[in-house]
Amino acid sequence: MDRVKTVIVTGASSGLGFAIARAYLARGYNVVGNARSLERLQAAANQLGNPENLLLVPGDIALPETATRLFEQAEENFGQVDILINNAGIFMSKPVAEYSEEDVDAMLATNLKGFFYPSQAAARHMVPNGAGHIVTITAAIAMQPISKVPALLPIMVKGGLNQATRGLALEMAPHNVMVNAVAPGIIATPLTMSNPDEQSLAFMKQMAPTQRIGQPQDIVDAVLYLTDSSFVTGTIVAVDGGTTAGVW
């Protein structure tokens, strides 16, 4: 009988993280879900039917002790961790002159440290096992900046994560740990679809050559493909309706 796989998902209480956690639960995987708030995690668990193979581990993912606790509790409850999904992140679009010091600190904390510490913990756990997957959710705009959407902070940080993905993939390849990223375009999540007017919807649709907004399942499908593969590593998969193909 095959061992049940275990996946850690950060930012699992809503949006893409929730959709990814739900997909792995549907496969019968053990899922360790992280978010800042236990209350939000519990609300997500209630929507999922509070399955026994879902473990909730609240905490600020920017702190190294949160990453350590995630892996310790995952091991204690389920044994070996097979997959880490670095999903937690924030996005701020504004002219460069308008970013505040607080904006910079928040972006570096959640997006940068929230990638580094869990990935470091994953490497420490997965290398001795000789197997594993790390997938990070970045942003298509970091691959192809768009003049109509000023977003220097996320372009800078998530663009760095794309390069870090390649670097970590090379480091982990001899240990059979696959490291990849998914770079979403405009996706219909609670964050992007919070009471949009017709003008905003039209603007978001024209951001892609396909003239439509992506769905969370589009990202889920890419994540599942990457974690199913044993021969794909160092890849940034743009799921963006063609946005990164160029400027139009």
Protein backbone atom coordinates (compact mmCIF):
# COMPACT_ATOMS: atom_id res chain seq x y z
CA MET A 1 0.00 0.00 0.00
CA ASP A 2 1.38 3.40 -1.04
CA ARG A 3 2.20 5.92 1.67
CA VAL A 4 -0.17 8.90 1.84
CA LYS A 5 1.68 12.02 0.75
CA THR A 6 1.82 15.19 2.84
CA VAL A 7 1.76 18.75 1.52
CA ILE A 8 2.29 22.05 3.35
CA VAL A 9 0.38 25.04 1.93
CA THR A 10 1.05 28.56 3.18
CA GLY A 11 -1.69 31.17 2.86
CA ALA A 12 -4.20 28.32 2.90
CA SER A 13 -7.17 30.14 4.43
CA SER A 14 -8.45 31.80 1.25
CA GLY A 15 -7.96 32.40 -2.45
CA LEU A 16 -5.41 30.31 -4.32
CA GLY A 17 -4.07 28.67 -1.16
CA PHE A 18 -7.53 27.45 -0.22
CA ALA A 19 -8.10 26.10 -3.75
CA ILE A 20 -4.73 24.32 -3.71
CA ALA A 21 -5.35 22.81 -0.27
CA ARG A 22 -8.78 21.62 -1.36
CA ALA A 23 -7.32 19.96 -4.46
CA TYR A 24 -4.76 17.98 -2.47
CA LEU A 25 -7.38 16.96 0.09
CA ALA A 26 -9.53 15.71 -2.78
CA ARG A 27 -6.60 13.49 -3.77
CA GLY A 28 -6.48 12.04 -0.27
CA TYR A 29 -3.24 13.81 0.68
CA ASN A 30 -2.49 15.04 4.18
CA VAL A 31 -2.56 18.84 4.11
CA VAL A 32 -0.87 21.15 6.61
CA GLY A 33 -2.44 24.59 6.18
CA ASN A 34 -0.84 27.80 7.37
CA ALA A 35 -2.15 31.35 7.71
CA ARG A 36 -1.67 34.13 10.24
CA SER A 37 -5.02 33.62 11.94
CA LEU A 38 -6.31 30.38 13.45
CA GLU A 39 -9.82 31.81 13.14
CA ARG A 40 -9.48 32.17 9.36
CA LEU A 41 -7.90 28.74 9.07
CA GLN A 42 -10.77 27.22 11.05
CA ALA A 43 -13.31 28.97 8.83
CA ALA A 44 -11.56 27.46 5.80
CA ALA A 45 -11.53 24.03 7.47
CA ASN A 46 -15.27 24.34 8.11
CA GLN A 47 -15.82 24.92 4.39
CA LEU A 48 -13.76 21.82 3.66
CA GLY A 49 -15.75 19.71 6.11
CA ASN A 50 -12.99 19.55 8.75
CA PRO A 51 -11.29 16.46 7.28
CA GLU A 52 -9.07 14.42 9.60
CA ASN A 53 -6.13 14.73 7.22
CA LEU A 54 -6.10 18.55 7.49
CA LEU A 55 -3.79 20.06 10.11
CA LEU A 56 -4.01 23.78 10.92
CA VAL A 57 -0.80 25.58 11.92
CA PRO A 58 -1.30 29.34 12.36
CA GLY A 59 1.59 31.78 12.45
CA ASP A 60 3.39 34.57 10.62
CA ILE A 61 5.19 32.85 7.73
CA ALA A 62 7.80 35.63 7.72
CA LEU A 63 9.18 34.22 10.99
CA PRO A 64 11.64 31.30 10.85
CA GLU A 65 10.02 29.67 13.87
CA THR A 66 6.73 29.39 11.95
CA ALA A 67 8.43 27.46 9.16
CA THR A 68 10.15 25.22 11.70
CA ARG A 69 6.87 24.57 13.51
CA LEU A 70 5.11 23.74 10.23
CA PHE A 71 7.55 20.95 9.44
CA GLU A 72 7.79 19.70 13.03
CA GLN A 73 4.02 19.40 13.37
CA ALA A 74 3.69 17.90 9.90
CA GLU A 75 6.26 15.23 10.78
CA GLU A 76 4.70 14.58 14.17
CA ASN A 77 1.21 14.09 12.72
CA PHE A 78 1.85 12.65 9.26
CA GLY A 79 5.52 11.70 8.94
CA GLN A 80 7.45 12.68 5.83
CA VAL A 81 6.62 15.95 4.04
CA ASP A 82 6.54 15.51 0.27
CA ILE A 83 5.48 18.92 -1.02
CA LEU A 84 5.79 22.57 0.03
CA ILE A 85 3.57 25.15 -1.66
CA ASN A 86 4.85 28.68 -0.96
CA ASN A 87 1.59 30.45 -1.69
CA ALA A 88 1.37 33.18 0.97
CA GLY A 89 1.91 36.58 -0.58
CA ILE A 90 0.66 40.11 -0.99
CA PHE A 91 0.43 42.35 -4.06
CA MET A 92 0.55 46.15 -4.14
CA SER A 93 0.10 48.12 -7.35
CA LYS A 94 0.92 51.83 -7.13
CA PRO A 95 3.36 54.34 -8.63
CA VAL A 96 6.87 53.91 -7.27
CA ALA A 97 6.81 57.31 -5.58
CA GLU A 98 3.80 56.31 -3.49
CA TYR A 99 5.21 53.18 -1.81
CA SER A 100 5.72 53.67 1.91
CA GLU A 101 8.33 52.15 4.18
CA GLU A 102 5.54 50.00 5.64
CA ASP A 103 4.72 48.73 2.12
CA VAL A 104 8.34 47.72 1.56
CA ASP A 105 8.58 45.98 4.93
CA ALA A 106 5.31 44.09 4.38
CA MET A 107 6.32 42.94 0.91
CA LEU A 108 9.74 41.75 2.06
CA ALA A 109 8.29 40.02 5.12
CA THR A 110 5.46 38.05 3.53
CA ASN A 111 6.75 37.49 0.01
CA LEU A 112 10.49 37.20 0.53
CA LYS A 113 10.95 35.81 4.05
CA GLY A 114 7.74 33.81 3.56
CA PHE A 115 9.52 32.04 0.72
CA PHE A 116 12.99 31.73 2.20
CA TYR A 117 12.32 30.25 5.63
CA PRO A 118 9.82 27.56 4.53
CA SER A 119 12.05 26.63 1.57
CA GLN A 120 15.04 26.40 3.89
CA ALA A 121 13.07 24.15 6.26
CA ALA A 122 11.92 22.08 3.28
CA ALA A 123 15.50 21.60 2.09
CA ARG A 124 16.57 20.44 5.56
CA HIS A 125 13.68 17.97 5.59
CA MET A 126 13.66 16.77 1.97
CA VAL A 127 17.36 16.36 1.22
CA PRO A 128 17.80 13.46 3.68
CA ASN A 129 14.67 11.85 2.19
CA GLY A 130 16.08 12.10 -1.32
CA ALA A 131 12.78 13.42 -2.72
CA GLY A 132 10.38 16.33 -2.61
CA HIS A 133 8.73 19.22 -4.40
CA ILE A 134 8.79 22.96 -3.70
CA VAL A 135 6.41 25.16 -5.69
CA THR A 136 6.20 28.92 -5.22
CA ILE A 137 3.36 31.16 -6.42
CA THR A 138 4.94 34.29 -7.92
CA ALA A 139 3.45 36.69 -10.50
CA ALA A 140 3.36 36.95 -14.27
CA ILE A 141 3.93 40.70 -14.08
CA ALA A 142 7.37 39.94 -12.62
CA MET A 143 8.21 38.18 -15.90
CA GLN A 144 6.70 40.86 -18.16
CA PRO A 145 6.12 44.31 -16.58
CA ILE A 146 3.10 46.16 -17.94
CA SER A 147 3.07 49.93 -18.39
CA LYS A 148 -0.59 50.20 -17.34
CA VAL A 149 0.07 48.50 -13.98
CA PRO A 150 2.84 50.19 -11.98
CA ALA A 151 4.00 47.58 -9.47
CA LEU A 152 7.70 47.94 -8.79
CA LEU A 153 7.65 46.24 -5.38
CA PRO A 154 5.99 42.97 -6.47
CA ILE A 155 7.97 42.98 -9.73
CA MET A 156 11.20 43.34 -7.74
CA VAL A 157 10.40 40.76 -5.07
CA LYS A 158 8.52 38.17 -7.11
CA GLY A 159 10.98 38.55 -9.96
CA GLY A 160 13.67 37.71 -7.44
CA LEU A 161 11.67 34.66 -6.36
CA ASN A 162 11.56 33.48 -9.96
CA GLN A 163 15.35 33.62 -10.10
CA ALA A 164 15.65 32.08 -6.63
CA THR A 165 13.50 29.21 -7.87
CA ARG A 166 16.03 28.49 -10.60
CA GLY A 167 18.95 28.77 -8.21
CA LEU A 168 17.38 26.50 -5.61
CA ALA A 169 16.40 24.01 -8.30
CA LEU A 170 20.05 23.62 -9.28
CA GLU A 171 21.09 23.20 -5.66
CA MET A 172 18.39 20.63 -4.92
CA ALA A 173 18.58 18.66 -8.19
CA PRO A 174 21.23 16.18 -6.97
CA HIS A 175 18.89 15.32 -4.08
CA ASN A 176 15.86 14.65 -6.32
CA VAL A 177 13.99 17.69 -4.94
CA MET A 178 12.11 19.47 -7.73
CA VAL A 179 11.79 23.27 -7.37
CA ASN A 180 9.42 25.26 -9.59
CA ALA A 181 7.13 28.29 -9.61
CA VAL A 182 3.73 29.22 -10.99
CA ALA A 183 3.33 32.83 -12.12
CA PRO A 184 -0.36 33.82 -12.23
CA GLY A 185 -1.82 36.63 -14.25
CA ILE A 186 -5.19 38.12 -13.26
CA ILE A 187 -7.07 35.37 -11.41
CA ALA A 188 -10.61 35.55 -9.98
CA THR A 189 -9.86 35.37 -6.26
CA PRO A 190 -11.61 37.17 -3.38
CA LEU A 191 -8.78 39.72 -3.47
CA THR A 192 -9.14 40.64 -7.13
CA MET A 193 -12.92 40.25 -7.34
CA SER A 194 -13.98 42.23 -4.26
CA ASN A 195 -16.87 44.28 -5.65
CA PRO A 196 -15.34 45.19 -9.01
CA ASP A 197 -17.30 47.58 -11.23
CA GLU A 198 -17.78 46.98 -14.94
CA GLN A 199 -14.87 49.26 -15.83
CA SER A 200 -12.50 47.39 -13.52
CA LEU A 201 -13.63 44.03 -14.89
CA ALA A 202 -13.11 45.24 -18.46
CA PHE A 203 -9.62 46.50 -17.56
CA MET A 204 -8.66 43.19 -15.93
CA LYS A 205 -9.91 41.20 -18.91
CA GLN A 206 -7.91 43.24 -21.41
CA MET A 207 -4.73 42.57 -19.43
CA ALA A 208 -4.46 39.24 -21.29
CA PRO A 209 -4.59 38.53 -25.04
CA THR A 210 -7.28 35.96 -24.29
CA GLN A 211 -9.45 38.83 -23.00
CA ARG A 212 -10.61 37.00 -19.89
CA ILE A 213 -9.81 36.49 -16.22
CA GLY A 214 -8.31 33.23 -15.07
CA GLN A 215 -9.84 30.94 -12.45
CA PRO A 216 -8.22 29.44 -9.34
CA GLN A 217 -8.50 26.00 -10.96
CA ASP A 218 -6.10 27.18 -13.67
CA ILE A 219 -3.44 27.69 -11.00
CA VAL A 220 -4.35 24.45 -9.23
CA ASP A 221 -3.88 22.52 -12.48
CA ALA A 222 -0.40 23.98 -12.95
CA VAL A 223 0.61 23.23 -9.36
CA LEU A 224 -0.62 19.64 -9.60
CA TYR A 225 1.23 19.14 -12.88
CA LEU A 226 4.49 20.31 -11.32
CA THR A 227 4.18 18.18 -8.20
CA ASP A 228 3.23 15.13 -10.29
CA SER A 229 6.35 15.47 -12.42
CA SER A 230 9.69 13.87 -11.57
CA PHE A 231 11.59 15.57 -14.42
CA VAL A 232 10.53 19.23 -14.31
CA THR A 233 12.60 21.58 -12.17
CA GLY A 234 13.81 25.17 -12.37
CA THR A 235 10.72 26.15 -14.38
CA ILE A 236 8.49 29.21 -14.04
CA VAL A 237 5.04 28.35 -15.42
CA ALA A 238 3.13 31.46 -16.49
CA VAL A 239 -0.63 30.97 -16.12
CA ASP A 240 -1.76 34.31 -17.45
CA GLY A 241 -3.78 34.03 -20.65
CA GLY A 242 -0.72 34.98 -22.69
CA THR A 243 0.25 38.15 -20.83
CA THR A 244 3.94 37.28 -20.71
CA ALA A 245 4.04 36.76 -24.48
CA GLY A 246 4.56 40.50 -24.85
CA VAL A 247 2.96 43.94 -24.84
CA TRP A 248 -0.09 44.81 -26.95
